[in-house]
Structures are given as structure tokens and as C-alpha cells.
Protein backbone atom coordinates (compact mmCIF):
# COMPACT_ATOMS: atom_id res chain seq x y z
CA MET A 1 0.00 0.00 0.00
CA ARG A 2 1.35 3.43 -0.95
CA LYS A 3 1.04 6.25 1.59
CA VAL A 4 1.05 9.99 1.09
CA ILE A 5 0.76 12.94 3.46
CA LEU A 6 -2.26 15.10 2.72
CA SER A 7 -3.73 18.21 4.26
CA ALA A 8 -7.31 19.41 4.47
CA ALA A 9 -6.44 22.22 2.03
CA ILE A 10 -5.29 19.68 -0.55
CA ARG A 11 -8.44 17.60 -0.08
CA GLU A 12 -10.55 20.72 -0.67
CA ARG A 13 -8.41 21.80 -3.63
CA LEU A 14 -8.53 18.47 -5.44
CA GLY A 15 -12.19 17.77 -4.84
CA ASP A 16 -12.98 14.05 -4.78
CA LEU A 17 -9.62 13.03 -3.32
CA GLU A 18 -11.06 10.41 -0.95
CA SER A 19 -12.35 8.49 -3.96
CA PHE A 20 -8.90 8.75 -5.55
CA LEU A 21 -7.23 7.46 -2.40
CA ARG A 22 -9.57 4.48 -2.11
CA THR A 23 -9.04 3.59 -5.75
CA GLU A 24 -5.37 4.35 -6.32
CA TYR A 25 -3.89 3.89 -2.85
CA LYS A 26 -6.26 1.25 -1.47
CA LEU A 27 -6.81 3.36 1.63
CA SER A 28 -10.35 3.49 2.95
CA LYS A 29 -11.75 6.49 4.80
CA GLU A 30 -12.09 4.33 7.92
CA ALA A 31 -8.48 3.09 7.72
CA ALA A 32 -7.22 6.64 7.23
CA SER A 33 -9.30 7.81 10.19
CA ARG A 34 -7.98 5.01 12.42
CA ARG A 35 -4.40 5.80 11.38
CA MET A 36 -4.86 9.51 12.13
CA ASP A 37 -6.40 8.65 15.53
CA ARG A 38 -3.56 6.25 16.32
CA ILE A 39 -0.79 8.77 15.66
CA GLY A 40 -2.55 11.72 17.23
CA GLY A 41 -3.66 13.50 14.09
CA SER A 42 -1.02 16.23 14.09
CA LEU A 43 1.31 16.90 11.17
CA LYS A 44 4.30 16.60 13.50
CA SER A 45 3.18 13.15 14.57
CA LEU A 46 2.44 12.20 10.99
CA LEU A 47 5.88 13.29 9.82
CA THR A 48 7.70 11.42 12.58
CA ALA A 49 5.53 8.31 12.82
CA SER A 50 4.63 7.76 9.17
CA THR A 51 6.34 5.68 6.57
CA ALA A 52 4.84 7.82 3.81
CA ASP A 53 6.16 7.57 0.29
CA GLY A 54 5.47 11.16 -0.63
CA ALA A 55 3.91 14.42 0.44
CA LEU A 56 1.87 17.19 -1.16
CA ALA A 57 2.16 20.94 -0.66
CA CYS A 58 -0.58 22.69 -2.61
CA LEU A 59 -0.75 26.48 -2.42
CA GLU A 60 -2.90 28.79 -4.48
CA ASN A 61 -0.91 31.52 -6.22
CA SER A 62 -2.22 34.45 -4.16
CA PRO A 63 -0.61 37.48 -2.50
CA PHE A 64 -1.21 35.89 0.92
CA ASN A 65 0.46 32.59 -0.01
CA LEU A 66 3.36 34.34 -1.70
CA CYS A 67 4.30 35.65 1.77
CA LYS A 68 4.61 32.11 3.14
CA SER A 69 7.86 30.26 3.64
CA ASN A 70 9.09 27.02 2.11
CA VAL A 71 8.51 25.20 5.42
CA LYS A 72 6.80 22.21 3.78
CA PHE A 73 9.82 21.69 1.53
CA ARG A 74 12.10 21.83 4.58
CA GLU A 75 9.91 19.45 6.61
CA TYR A 76 9.39 16.93 3.82
CA GLY A 77 13.04 17.14 2.80
CA ALA A 78 14.22 16.52 6.36
CA ARG A 79 11.98 13.44 6.38
CA GLY A 80 13.40 12.26 3.03
CA LEU A 81 10.04 12.40 1.30
CA ALA A 82 9.47 13.01 -2.38
CA GLY A 83 7.31 16.11 -2.38
CA ILE A 84 4.95 17.48 -4.96
CA TYR A 85 4.71 21.27 -4.71
CA SER A 86 2.69 24.02 -6.33
CA ASN A 87 4.79 25.75 -8.96
CA ILE A 88 4.74 29.16 -7.29
CA PRO A 89 7.74 31.17 -6.02
CA VAL A 90 7.37 29.90 -2.43
CA TYR A 91 8.50 26.48 -3.66
CA ALA A 92 9.86 27.13 -7.17
CA ASP A 93 12.67 29.26 -5.71
CA TRP A 94 13.89 26.23 -3.70
CA VAL A 95 12.72 22.98 -5.28
CA GLU A 96 14.75 21.63 -8.20
CA HIS A 97 12.10 19.98 -10.38
CA ASP A 98 12.69 16.23 -10.82
CA ARG A 99 15.68 16.38 -8.45
CA THR A 100 14.50 17.53 -4.99
CA GLY A 101 10.76 17.48 -5.68
CA LEU A 102 8.13 17.87 -8.35
CA LEU A 103 6.74 21.30 -9.22
CA VAL A 104 3.25 21.22 -10.68
CA GLU A 105 0.71 23.68 -11.96
CA ASN A 106 -2.39 23.96 -9.80
CA THR A 107 -4.68 21.83 -11.90
CA GLU A 108 -6.37 18.61 -10.87
CA THR A 109 -4.85 16.83 -13.86
CA ALA A 110 -1.29 17.93 -13.01
CA TRP A 111 -1.63 16.89 -9.35
CA TYR A 112 -3.05 13.47 -10.19
CA ALA A 113 -0.40 12.88 -12.87
CA SER A 114 2.40 13.75 -10.43
CA MET A 115 0.98 11.49 -7.73
CA ALA A 116 0.64 8.66 -10.23
CA PHE A 117 4.22 9.25 -11.42
CA LEU A 118 5.63 8.82 -7.91
CA VAL A 119 3.52 5.71 -7.27
CA GLU A 120 4.53 4.14 -10.59
CA ASN A 121 8.22 5.06 -10.18
CA PRO A 122 9.19 4.16 -6.60
CA GLU A 123 12.94 4.24 -7.31
CA THR A 124 12.66 7.78 -8.69
CA ALA A 125 10.52 8.75 -5.69
CA ARG A 126 13.21 7.42 -3.32
CA GLU A 127 15.92 9.26 -5.24
CA ILE A 128 13.96 12.52 -5.10
CA GLY A 129 13.40 12.00 -1.36
CA ASN A 130 17.10 11.34 -0.78
CA ASN A 131 18.05 14.43 -2.79
CA ALA A 132 15.54 16.51 -0.81
CA ARG A 133 17.04 15.23 2.46
CA ALA A 134 20.56 16.13 1.30
CA CYS A 135 19.34 19.60 0.32
CA ALA A 136 17.66 20.09 3.72
CA GLU A 137 20.79 18.94 5.54
CA GLU A 138 22.95 21.29 3.47
CA LYS A 139 20.77 24.39 3.48
CA PHE A 140 18.40 24.32 6.43
CA THR A 141 20.22 23.16 9.54
CA LEU A 142 20.31 25.19 12.73
CA GLU A 143 24.10 25.28 12.56
CA ARG A 144 23.96 26.78 9.06
CA TYR A 145 21.74 29.66 10.17
CA ALA A 146 22.71 30.19 13.80
CA GLU A 147 25.39 32.77 12.98
CA ALA A 148 23.12 34.68 10.59
CA TRP A 149 20.30 34.67 13.14
CA MET A 150 22.60 35.91 15.89
CA GLU A 151 23.88 38.71 13.66
CA GLN A 152 20.33 39.78 12.88
CA VAL A 153 19.47 39.85 16.59
CA LEU A 154 22.70 41.10 18.14
CA ASP A 155 23.84 43.67 15.58
CA PRO A 156 20.73 45.85 15.95
CA LEU A 157 20.97 45.59 19.74
CA ALA A 158 24.62 46.67 19.61
CA GLY A 159 23.75 49.57 17.31
CA GLY A 160 25.41 47.84 14.33
């Protein structure tokens, strides 16, 4: 059985996603509900307890969403998951298409095709997940940003 991390926003965006999951991923609504209950239902629990094969980060191209960070890319990358991301600057500025994730246009057809691609190509999905993890380890560690954060906090306090 293939597993994928989904959010309520994605379910709303894609419409009849539960039907897709039952058909393509053999995951019933009841089984999904039991799994969510078992792991506590939070994204943090899902990311740490799941053996998901991929993850989705769907954002509408709007002024509000363009102010968001690439946190889903960082989280999914740290977990070594092959992510499918909306092709908007929040993700397109960080995700290397076909290397550290898949960038897709916000159409139902594009999302389904990308999900099917990862399911049908598990080796490629693993490679994308491994590349995303390496990217997260290289670019997003606390050690990498600690000095920059301290400069941003301490320099203004010191009058610098």
C-alpha cells in the first residue's frame, strides 16, 4: 500500500480526493481515520511516525500565499520524502524539479499525474526523497543559520 501525506487544504483543492485514495492507494476512509487517531492527528506526529512515500504541498498563487515560507519543503526534505509542490515562487525558488521534488501547476490533472508518477516510479521517488534530504541537511540546519540569526538579533541591539 502506498502512503502519502495530505492536508485538508489539498483535499478541498482536489475535490474528490477520498475516492482517488480508495481507488489508487487502497486506503479506505475508515483506515485513514484510524491511522490519524492512532498517531494523534497532528502533522508533526504524521511526519515522525509515518512511513509515507510522498507528500503534497498545494498552495494557491495568491498574494497571501506568496508571503509564506518554504517550510513544507524543509519538513518533507528533512523526512526524506518526495514532495509534490505548487509551482509558485514559495516552492519554485527552492525545489529543483525532478531532483529535490516535483513542481506542478495547480490543476487537478497535473496533481493526479504527479501522484501517479511517484507511485509508478518508486525508485525515482526514493531518489527525489534522498536528494531533498541532502538539500535540507545542506541548506536548512540550525548550525547553518545560527550565525546569521545571531547577527540579525545582536547587531541591531549593539547599534550595528
